């Protein structure tokens, strides 16, 4: 029995769930549809690893490069020691004593 049927029959989900499935691979054939609806509650999207990396890079506004240039002179151990040397306890919001 497929996971979708087991999930629907479990009784743990209220209402009609929707499924979004991603198929990720190294490359995709030219005749493969990038997106396909299956029924009214399921959608399958096909993408490559390269597409995922480019999208993540755009969403993070090239954060990896900016952080690398900012901390290029600091080694990993130096950074760890710097972080652990400044312990602080943040206040818990909405907790009464």
Protein backbone atom coordinates (compact mmCIF):
# COMPACT_ATOMS: atom_id res chain seq x y z
CA UNK A 1 0.00 0.00 0.00
CA UNK A 2 1.40 3.42 -0.87
CA UNK A 3 2.32 6.02 1.72
CA UNK A 4 -0.41 8.38 0.52
CA UNK A 5 -3.15 5.83 1.20
CA UNK A 6 -1.67 4.91 4.58
CA UNK A 7 -1.49 8.57 5.56
CA UNK A 8 -5.09 9.21 4.53
CA UNK A 9 -6.38 6.12 6.34
CA UNK A 10 -4.42 6.71 9.56
CA UNK A 11 -7.01 9.10 10.97
CA UNK A 12 -4.26 11.42 12.20
CA UNK A 13 -4.80 14.12 9.58
CA UNK A 14 -7.89 16.30 9.58
CA UNK A 15 -9.31 17.43 6.28
CA UNK A 16 -7.97 16.71 2.83
CA UNK A 17 -4.16 16.80 2.80
CA UNK A 18 -2.19 18.00 -0.19
CA UNK A 19 1.09 16.38 -1.26
CA UNK A 20 3.95 18.15 -3.00
CA UNK A 21 6.64 15.73 -4.18
CA UNK A 22 10.09 16.70 -5.47
CA UNK A 23 12.15 14.42 -7.68
CA UNK A 24 15.79 15.56 -7.73
CA UNK A 25 18.45 14.19 -10.03
CA UNK A 26 21.69 14.97 -11.78
CA UNK A 27 19.95 15.76 -15.07
CA UNK A 28 16.52 15.42 -16.61
CA UNK A 29 15.50 14.35 -20.09
CA UNK A 30 14.09 16.92 -22.49
CA UNK A 31 10.76 15.10 -22.72
CA UNK A 32 10.15 15.16 -18.94
CA UNK A 33 7.52 17.60 -17.72
CA UNK A 34 8.92 19.93 -15.02
CA UNK A 35 5.67 19.76 -13.06
CA UNK A 36 2.63 17.51 -13.09
CA UNK A 37 -0.58 17.52 -11.09
CA UNK A 38 -1.80 14.11 -9.98
CA UNK A 39 -5.44 14.34 -9.12
CA UNK A 40 -6.51 17.36 -7.12
CA UNK A 41 -4.28 16.90 -4.07
CA UNK A 42 -0.85 15.90 -5.37
CA UNK A 43 1.81 17.66 -7.42
CA UNK A 44 5.16 16.29 -8.59
CA UNK A 45 8.01 18.67 -9.46
CA UNK A 46 11.21 17.57 -11.22
CA UNK A 47 14.46 19.48 -10.79
CA UNK A 48 18.22 19.00 -10.87
CA UNK A 49 20.81 19.45 -8.14
CA UNK A 50 22.15 22.46 -10.05
CA UNK A 51 18.73 24.13 -10.03
CA UNK A 52 18.44 23.59 -6.26
CA UNK A 53 21.88 25.08 -5.62
CA UNK A 54 21.20 28.14 -7.81
CA UNK A 55 17.82 28.73 -6.18
CA UNK A 56 19.27 28.39 -2.67
CA UNK A 57 22.07 30.80 -3.56
CA UNK A 58 19.55 33.38 -4.82
CA UNK A 59 17.36 33.01 -1.75
CA UNK A 60 20.28 33.43 0.62
CA UNK A 61 21.51 36.51 -1.29
CA UNK A 62 24.96 34.98 -1.75
CA UNK A 63 25.32 34.67 2.00
CA UNK A 64 28.00 31.99 1.72
CA UNK A 65 30.35 34.27 -0.24
CA UNK A 66 29.72 37.25 2.04
CA UNK A 67 30.40 35.24 5.18
CA UNK A 68 33.53 33.70 3.68
CA UNK A 69 34.94 37.12 2.78
CA UNK A 70 34.03 38.59 6.17
CA UNK A 71 35.67 35.81 8.18
CA UNK A 72 38.46 34.72 5.81
CA UNK A 73 41.14 35.76 8.32
CA UNK A 74 39.56 33.76 11.18
CA UNK A 75 40.21 30.02 11.49
CA UNK A 76 37.51 27.58 12.55
CA UNK A 77 39.04 27.05 15.99
CA UNK A 78 39.43 30.79 16.56
CA UNK A 79 35.79 31.35 15.64
CA UNK A 80 34.62 28.56 17.94
CA UNK A 81 36.67 29.88 20.86
CA UNK A 82 35.34 33.38 20.24
CA UNK A 83 31.73 32.18 20.25
CA UNK A 84 32.10 29.96 23.32
CA UNK A 85 33.94 32.66 25.28
CA UNK A 86 30.82 34.86 25.32
CA UNK A 87 28.07 32.73 26.88
CA UNK A 88 24.76 34.44 27.46
CA UNK A 89 21.29 33.41 28.49
CA UNK A 90 18.53 35.00 26.47
CA UNK A 91 15.35 35.86 28.37
CA UNK A 92 12.37 33.60 27.85
CA UNK A 93 9.49 35.62 26.42
CA UNK A 94 6.11 35.23 28.04
CA UNK A 95 7.29 32.97 30.89
CA UNK A 96 6.25 34.01 34.38
CA UNK A 97 8.05 32.86 37.47
